[in-house]
Each structure stands twice: as structure tokens, then as C-alpha cells.
PDB file of N, CA and C in Angstrom:
ATOM      1  N   MET A   1       6.742  -5.966  37.655  1.00  0.00           N
ATOM      2  CA  MET A   1       5.727  -5.413  36.510  1.00  0.00           C
ATOM      3  C   MET A   1       5.580  -6.752  36.008  1.00  0.00           C
ATOM      4  N   THR A   2       3.991  -6.332  36.161  1.00  0.00           N
ATOM      5  CA  THR A   2       2.590  -7.223  35.748  1.00  0.00           C
ATOM      6  C   THR A   2       2.308  -7.442  34.525  1.00  0.00           C
ATOM      7  N   ILE A   3       2.213  -8.327  33.878  1.00  0.00           N
ATOM      8  CA  ILE A   3       1.160  -8.457  32.413  1.00  0.00           C
ATOM      9  C   ILE A   3       0.091  -8.355  32.063  1.00  0.00           C
ATOM     10  N   THR A   4      -0.566  -6.975  31.222  1.00  0.00           N
ATOM     11  CA  THR A   4      -2.074  -7.157  31.678  1.00  0.00           C
ATOM     12  C   THR A   4      -2.623  -7.742  31.236  1.00  0.00           C
ATOM     13  N   GLN A   5      -3.446  -8.026  31.027  1.00  0.00           N
ATOM     14  CA  GLN A   5      -4.954  -8.786  30.378  1.00  0.00           C
ATOM     15  C   GLN A   5      -4.337  -9.144  28.641  1.00  0.00           C
ATOM     16  N   THR A   6      -4.543  -7.443  28.584  1.00  0.00           N
ATOM     17  CA  THR A   6      -4.384  -6.887  26.246  1.00  0.00           C
ATOM     18  C   THR A   6      -2.777  -8.017  26.337  1.00  0.00           C
ATOM     19  N   GLU A   7      -2.079  -7.757  27.121  1.00  0.00           N
ATOM     20  CA  GLU A   7      -0.395  -8.175  27.387  1.00  0.00           C
ATOM     21  C   GLU A   7      -0.678  -9.638  26.818  1.00  0.00           C
ATOM     22  N   GLN A   8      -1.386  -9.961  28.042  1.00  0.00           N
ATOM     23  CA  GLN A   8      -1.144 -11.823  27.900  1.00  0.00           C
ATOM     24  C   GLN A   8      -2.374 -12.369  26.495  1.00  0.00           C
ATOM     25  N   ILE A   9      -3.685 -11.360  26.316  1.00  0.00           N
ATOM     26  CA  ILE A   9      -4.083 -12.405  25.268  1.00  0.00           C
ATOM     27  C   ILE A   9      -3.640 -11.110  24.247  1.00  0.00           C
ATOM     28  N   GLU A  10      -2.645 -10.098  23.626  1.00  0.00           N
ATOM     29  CA  GLU A  10      -1.663 -10.470  22.546  1.00  0.00           C
ATOM     30  C   GLU A  10      -0.819 -11.240  22.235  1.00  0.00           C
ATOM     31  N   GLY A  11      -0.262 -11.879  23.472  1.00  0.00           N
ATOM     32  CA  GLY A  11       1.123 -12.598  23.734  1.00  0.00           C
ATOM     33  C   GLY A  11       0.087 -14.060  22.948  1.00  0.00           C
ATOM     34  N   LEU A  12      -0.803 -14.661  23.158  1.00  0.00           N
ATOM     35  CA  LEU A  12      -1.649 -15.801  23.173  1.00  0.00           C
ATOM     36  C   LEU A  12      -1.834 -15.290  21.840  1.00  0.00           C
ATOM     37  N   LYS A  13      -2.509 -13.928  21.253  1.00  0.00           N
ATOM     38  CA  LYS A  13      -2.726 -14.692  19.603  1.00  0.00           C
ATOM     39  C   LYS A  13      -1.497 -14.459  18.762  1.00  0.00           C
ATOM     40  N   GLN A  14      -0.367 -13.928  19.272  1.00  0.00           N
ATOM     41  CA  GLN A  14       0.837 -14.502  18.621  1.00  0.00           C
ATOM     42  C   GLN A  14       0.875 -15.609  18.452  1.00  0.00           C
ATOM     43  N   ARG A  15       1.566 -16.467  19.515  1.00  0.00           N
ATOM     44  CA  ARG A  15       1.743 -17.289  19.774  1.00  0.00           C
ATOM     45  C   ARG A  15       0.983 -18.761  19.108  1.00  0.00           C
ATOM     46  N   TYR A  16      -0.355 -17.868  18.658  1.00  0.00           N
ATOM     47  CA  TYR A  16      -2.091 -18.696  18.237  1.00  0.00           C
ATOM     48  C   TYR A  16      -1.288 -19.114  16.382  1.00  0.00           C
ATOM     49  N   ALA A  17      -1.366 -17.337  16.226  1.00  0.00           N
ATOM     50  CA  ALA A  17      -0.820 -17.130  14.821  1.00  0.00           C
ATOM     51  C   ALA A  17       0.419 -18.026  14.168  1.00  0.00           C
ATOM     52  N   GLU A  18       1.310 -18.219  15.552  1.00  0.00           N
ATOM     53  CA  GLU A  18       2.956 -18.912  15.289  1.00  0.00           C
ATOM     54  C   GLU A  18       2.600 -19.740  14.679  1.00  0.00           C
ATOM     55  N   MET A  19       1.704 -20.425  15.486  1.00  0.00           N
ATOM     56  CA  MET A  19       1.380 -22.169  15.569  1.00  0.00           C
ATOM     57  C   MET A  19       0.797 -22.719  14.182  1.00  0.00           C
ATOM     58  N   ILE A  20      -0.288 -22.138  13.963  1.00  0.00           N
ATOM     59  CA  ILE A  20      -1.088 -22.006  12.557  1.00  0.00           C
ATOM     60  C   ILE A  20      -0.068 -21.875  11.268  1.00  0.00           C
ATOM     61  N   VAL A  21       0.549 -20.586  11.176  1.00  0.00           N
ATOM     62  CA  VAL A  21       2.042 -20.759  10.304  1.00  0.00           C
ATOM     63  C   VAL A  21       2.029 -21.515  10.667  1.00  0.00           C
ATOM     64  N   GLU A  22       3.585 -22.114  11.714  1.00  0.00           N
ATOM     65  CA  GLU A  22       4.147 -23.435  10.998  1.00  0.00           C
ATOM     66  C   GLU A  22       3.504 -24.678  10.893  1.00  0.00           C
ATOM     67  N   GLY A  23       2.435 -24.964  10.452  1.00  0.00           N
ATOM     68  CA  GLY A  23       2.240 -26.077  10.567  1.00  0.00           C
ATOM     69  C   GLY A  23       0.938 -26.051   8.662  1.00  0.00           C
ATOM     70  N   MET A  24       1.770 -24.944   8.444  1.00  0.00           N
ATOM     71  CA  MET A  24       0.950 -24.966   6.852  1.00  0.00           C
ATOM     72  C   MET A  24       1.883 -25.575   6.123  1.00  0.00           C
ATOM     73  N   ASP A  25       2.180 -26.080   5.083  1.00  0.00           N
ATOM     74  CA  ASP A  25       3.003 -26.277   4.414  1.00  0.00           C
ATOM     75  C   ASP A  25       3.266 -25.252   2.886  1.00  0.00           C
ATOM     76  N   MET A  26       4.133 -25.009   2.437  1.00  0.00           N
ATOM     77  CA  MET A  26       4.538 -23.583   1.320  1.00  0.00           C
ATOM     78  C   MET A  26       3.194 -23.108   0.832  1.00  0.00           C
ATOM     79  N   ASN A  27       3.079 -24.522   0.177  1.00  0.00           N
ATOM     80  CA  ASN A  27       1.633 -24.004  -0.922  1.00  0.00           C
ATOM     81  C   ASN A  27       0.568 -22.939  -0.051  1.00  0.00           C
ATOM     82  N   THR A  28      -0.360 -24.271   1.186  1.00  0.00           N
ATOM     83  CA  THR A  28      -0.557 -23.188   1.677  1.00  0.00           C
ATOM     84  C   THR A  28       0.031 -21.168   2.218  1.00  0.00           C
ATOM     85  N   LEU A  29       1.074 -22.180   2.475  1.00  0.00           N
ATOM     86  CA  LEU A  29       1.308 -20.476   3.309  1.00  0.00           C
ATOM     87  C   LEU A  29       1.602 -19.410   2.220  1.00  0.00           C
ATOM     88  N   ILE A  30       1.715 -19.814   0.566  1.00  0.00           N
ATOM     89  CA  ILE A  30       1.578 -19.051  -0.232  1.00  0.00           C
ATOM     90  C   ILE A  30       0.064 -18.438  -0.577  1.00  0.00           C
ATOM     91  N   THR A  31      -0.523 -19.346  -0.764  1.00  0.00           N
ATOM     92  CA  THR A  31      -2.321 -19.242  -0.513  1.00  0.00           C
ATOM     93  C   THR A  31      -2.489 -18.001  -0.003  1.00  0.00           C
ATOM     94  N   PHE A  32      -2.305 -18.221   1.395  1.00  0.00           N
ATOM     95  CA  PHE A  32      -2.511 -17.062   2.410  1.00  0.00           C
ATOM     96  C   PHE A  32      -2.174 -16.218   2.944  1.00  0.00           C
ATOM     97  N   ALA A  33      -1.075 -15.883   2.309  1.00  0.00           N
ATOM     98  CA  ALA A  33      -0.460 -14.840   1.779  1.00  0.00           C
ATOM     99  C   ALA A  33      -1.174 -14.019   1.072  1.00  0.00           C
ATOM    100  N   VAL A  34      -0.784 -14.107  -0.655  1.00  0.00           N
ATOM    101  CA  VAL A  34      -1.644 -13.928  -1.549  1.00  0.00           C
ATOM    102  C   VAL A  34      -2.964 -13.353  -1.174  1.00  0.00           C
ATOM    103  N   ASP A  35      -3.513 -14.488  -0.583  1.00  0.00           N
ATOM    104  CA  ASP A  35      -5.099 -14.313  -0.033  1.00  0.00           C
ATOM    105  C   ASP A  35      -5.201 -12.397   0.575  1.00  0.00           C
ATOM    106  N   GLY A  36      -3.943 -12.601   1.401  1.00  0.00           N
ATOM    107  CA  GLY A  36      -3.975 -11.624   2.663  1.00  0.00           C
ATOM    108  C   GLY A  36      -3.223 -10.049   1.676  1.00  0.00           C
ATOM    109  N   ILE A  37      -2.927 -10.421   0.946  1.00  0.00           N
ATOM    110  CA  ILE A  37      -2.444  -8.973  -0.035  1.00  0.00           C
ATOM    111  C   ILE A  37      -3.214  -8.725  -0.743  1.00  0.00           C
ATOM    112  N   VAL A  38      -4.169  -9.366  -1.125  1.00  0.00           N
ATOM    113  CA  VAL A  38      -5.649  -9.203  -2.310  1.00  0.00           C
ATOM    114  C   VAL A  38      -6.316  -8.436  -1.225  1.00  0.00           C
ATOM    115  N   GLU A  39      -6.629  -9.137  -0.272  1.00  0.00           N
ATOM    116  CA  GLU A  39      -7.746  -8.140   0.713  1.00  0.00           C
ATOM    117  C   GLU A  39      -7.129  -6.996   0.537  1.00  0.00           C
ATOM    118  N   ASN A  40      -5.978  -6.593   1.033  1.00  0.00           N
ATOM    119  CA  ASN A  40      -5.357  -5.374   1.400  1.00  0.00           C
ATOM    120  C   ASN A  40      -5.826  -5.207   0.514  1.00  0.00           C
ATOM    121  N   LEU A  41      -5.669  -5.222  -1.481  1.00  0.00           N
ATOM    122  CA  LEU A  41      -5.485  -4.397  -1.883  1.00  0.00           C
ATOM    123  C   LEU A  41      -6.594  -3.952  -2.271  1.00  0.00           C
ATOM    124  N   LYS A  42      -7.896  -4.035  -2.163  1.00  0.00           N
ATOM    125  CA  LYS A  42      -9.319  -3.913  -2.412  1.00  0.00           C
ATOM    126  C   LYS A  42      -9.403  -3.008  -2.316  1.00  0.00           C
ATOM    127  N   GLY A  43      -9.162  -1.665  -1.562  1.00  0.00           N
ATOM    128  CA  GLY A  43     -10.033   0.140  -1.649  1.00  0.00           C
ATOM    129  C   GLY A  43      -9.001   0.978  -3.065  1.00  0.00           C
ATOM    130  N   TYR A  44      -8.238   0.093  -3.002  1.00  0.00           N
ATOM    131  CA  TYR A  44      -7.380   0.289  -4.154  1.00  0.00           C
ATOM    132  C   TYR A  44      -7.773   0.904  -5.806  1.00  0.00           C
ATOM    133  N   LYS A  45      -7.076   1.809  -6.142  1.00  0.00           N
ATOM    134  CA  LYS A  45      -7.483   2.395  -7.136  1.00  0.00           C
ATOM    135  C   LYS A  45      -6.189   1.727  -8.407  1.00  0.00           C
ATOM    136  N   ILE A  46      -6.598   2.487  -9.667  1.00  0.00           N
ATOM    137  CA  ILE A  46      -5.290   1.880 -10.332  1.00  0.00           C
ATOM    138  C   ILE A  46      -4.103   2.528  -9.991  1.00  0.00           C
ATOM    139  N   ASP A  47      -4.237   4.069  -9.241  1.00  0.00           N
ATOM    140  CA  ASP A  47      -2.978   4.632  -9.577  1.00  0.00           C
ATOM    141  C   ASP A  47      -2.509   4.463  -7.991  1.00  0.00           C
ATOM    142  N   ASP A  48      -3.132   4.372  -7.141  1.00  0.00           N
ATOM    143  CA  ASP A  48      -2.176   3.862  -5.935  1.00  0.00           C
ATOM    144  C   ASP A  48      -2.051   2.639  -6.562  1.00  0.00           C
ATOM    145  N   ILE A  49      -2.283   1.154  -7.003  1.00  0.00           N
ATOM    146  CA  ILE A  49      -1.249   0.404  -7.026  1.00  0.00           C
ATOM    147  C   ILE A  49       0.030   0.661  -8.347  1.00  0.00           C
ATOM    148  N   LYS A  50      -0.806   1.213  -9.057  1.00  0.00           N
ATOM    149  CA  LYS A  50       0.818   1.835  -9.875  1.00  0.00           C
ATOM    150  C   LYS A  50       1.638   2.192  -9.610  1.00  0.00           C
ATOM    151  N   GLU A  51       1.337   3.356  -8.361  1.00  0.00           N
ATOM    152  CA  GLU A  51       2.399   3.979  -7.792  1.00  0.00           C
ATOM    153  C   GLU A  51       2.999   3.102  -6.369  1.00  0.00           C
ATOM    154  N   GLU A  52       2.670   2.270  -5.653  1.00  0.00           N
ATOM    155  CA  GLU A  52       3.191   1.362  -4.217  1.00  0.00           C
ATOM    156  C   GLU A  52       3.833   1.139  -5.608  1.00  0.00           C
ATOM    157  N   ILE A  53       3.691  -0.808  -6.602  1.00  0.00           N
ATOM    158  CA  ILE A  53       4.603  -0.663  -7.814  1.00  0.00           C
ATOM    159  C   ILE A  53       5.328  -0.618  -8.263  1.00  0.00           C
ATOM    160  N   ILE A  54       5.421   0.637  -8.363  1.00  0.00           N
ATOM    161  CA  ILE A  54       6.434   1.975  -8.961  1.00  0.00           C
ATOM    162  C   ILE A  54       7.601   2.199  -8.285  1.00  0.00           C
ATOM    163  N   ASP A  55       6.960   2.500  -7.113  1.00  0.00           N
ATOM    164  CA  ASP A  55       8.036   3.157  -5.069  1.00  0.00           C
ATOM    165  C   ASP A  55       8.424   1.322  -4.912  1.00  0.00           C
ATOM    166  N   CYS A  56       8.532   0.201  -4.875  1.00  0.00           N
ATOM    167  CA  CYS A  56       8.659  -0.615  -4.621  1.00  0.00           C
ATOM    168  C   CYS A  56       9.868  -1.606  -5.832  1.00  0.00           C
ATOM    169  N   TYR A  57       9.268  -1.494  -6.208  1.00  0.00           N
ATOM    170  CA  TYR A  57      10.029  -2.090  -7.617  1.00  0.00           C
ATOM    171  C   TYR A  57       9.945  -1.779  -8.458  1.00  0.00           C
ATOM    172  N   GLY A  58      10.253  -0.358  -9.285  1.00  0.00           N
ATOM    173  CA  GLY A  58      10.444  -0.354  -9.888  1.00  0.00           C
ATOM    174  C   GLY A  58       9.666  -0.288 -11.041  1.00  0.00           C
ATOM    175  N   VAL A  59       9.688   1.223 -12.158  1.00  0.00           N
ATOM    176  CA  VAL A  59       9.320   0.927 -13.646  1.00  0.00           C
ATOM    177  C   VAL A  59       8.593  -0.447 -14.286  1.00  0.00           C
ATOM    178  N   GLU A  60       9.631  -1.009 -14.424  1.00  0.00           N
ATOM    179  CA  GLU A  60       9.500  -1.505 -15.301  1.00  0.00           C
ATOM    180  C   GLU A  60       8.764  -3.130 -14.990  1.00  0.00           C
ATOM    181  N   THR A  61       9.166  -3.099 -13.816  1.00  0.00           N
ATOM    182  CA  THR A  61       8.558  -4.255 -13.485  1.00  0.00           C
ATOM    183  C   THR A  61       6.352  -3.574 -13.360  1.00  0.00           C
ATOM    184  N   TRP A  62       6.045  -2.734 -13.603  1.00  0.00           N
ATOM    185  CA  TRP A  62       4.925  -2.062 -13.385  1.00  0.00           C
ATOM    186  C   TRP A  62       3.930  -2.180 -14.436  1.00  0.00           C
ATOM    187  N   PHE A  63       5.227  -2.479 -16.042  1.00  0.00           N
ATOM    188  CA  PHE A  63       4.964  -2.595 -17.426  1.00  0.00           C
ATOM    189  C   PHE A  63       5.027  -3.917 -17.313  1.00  0.00           C
ATOM    190  N   ASP A  64       5.421  -4.655 -16.515  1.00  0.00           N
ATOM    191  CA  ASP A  64       5.556  -5.902 -16.922  1.00  0.00           C
ATOM    192  C   ASP A  64       4.328  -6.765 -15.947  1.00  0.00           C
ATOM    193  N   LEU A  65       3.666  -6.381 -14.902  1.00  0.00           N
ATOM    194  CA  LEU A  65       2.541  -6.255 -14.596  1.00  0.00           C
ATOM    195  C   LEU A  65       1.312  -5.960 -15.414  1.00  0.00           C
ATOM    196  N   ASN A  66       1.159  -4.729 -15.949  1.00  0.00           N
ATOM    197  CA  ASN A  66       0.435  -3.948 -16.892  1.00  0.00           C
ATOM    198  C   ASN A  66       0.443  -3.751 -18.235  1.00  0.00           C
ATOM    199  N   PRO A  67       0.287  -4.968 -18.676  1.00  0.00           N
ATOM    200  CA  PRO A  67       1.057  -4.743 -20.371  1.00  0.00           C
ATOM    201  C   PRO A  67      -0.541  -4.560 -21.372  1.00  0.00           C
TER     202      PRO A  67
END
């Protein structure tokens, strides 16, 4: 079985991403993760965010985050 060009490129992307992450200190990694999560939430409306928070962390967390 031979590796396709797509599989080769995907493997390269994975290894490159891992190299970048391994070179980050903890603060940079946290900032990167938070920025990515915020970017993913850009299209969310308040009800979407509320539902996700309650589903994942419970209603108490919703009230803690949204005083």
C-alpha cells in the first residue's frame, strides 16, 4: 500500500503542528488555545454559548461566568 500525496501532506502538517506546539512555553500555549477557542465561538449567539456551557459544565458554571 502506498501513501497518497494527500496523506503525505496531512502527515507533514501534523508533524509541523506538533513541532510548533512543542516549542511553545506554557503561557504561549495557553494564549494560543484561548485565541483559538474564542475564534471558534465568534458565530455563537448568547443562547448557543449558554447551552454549551450548561451542557459541558453545568448551570452553576453558567451563573459563575455570567453574573
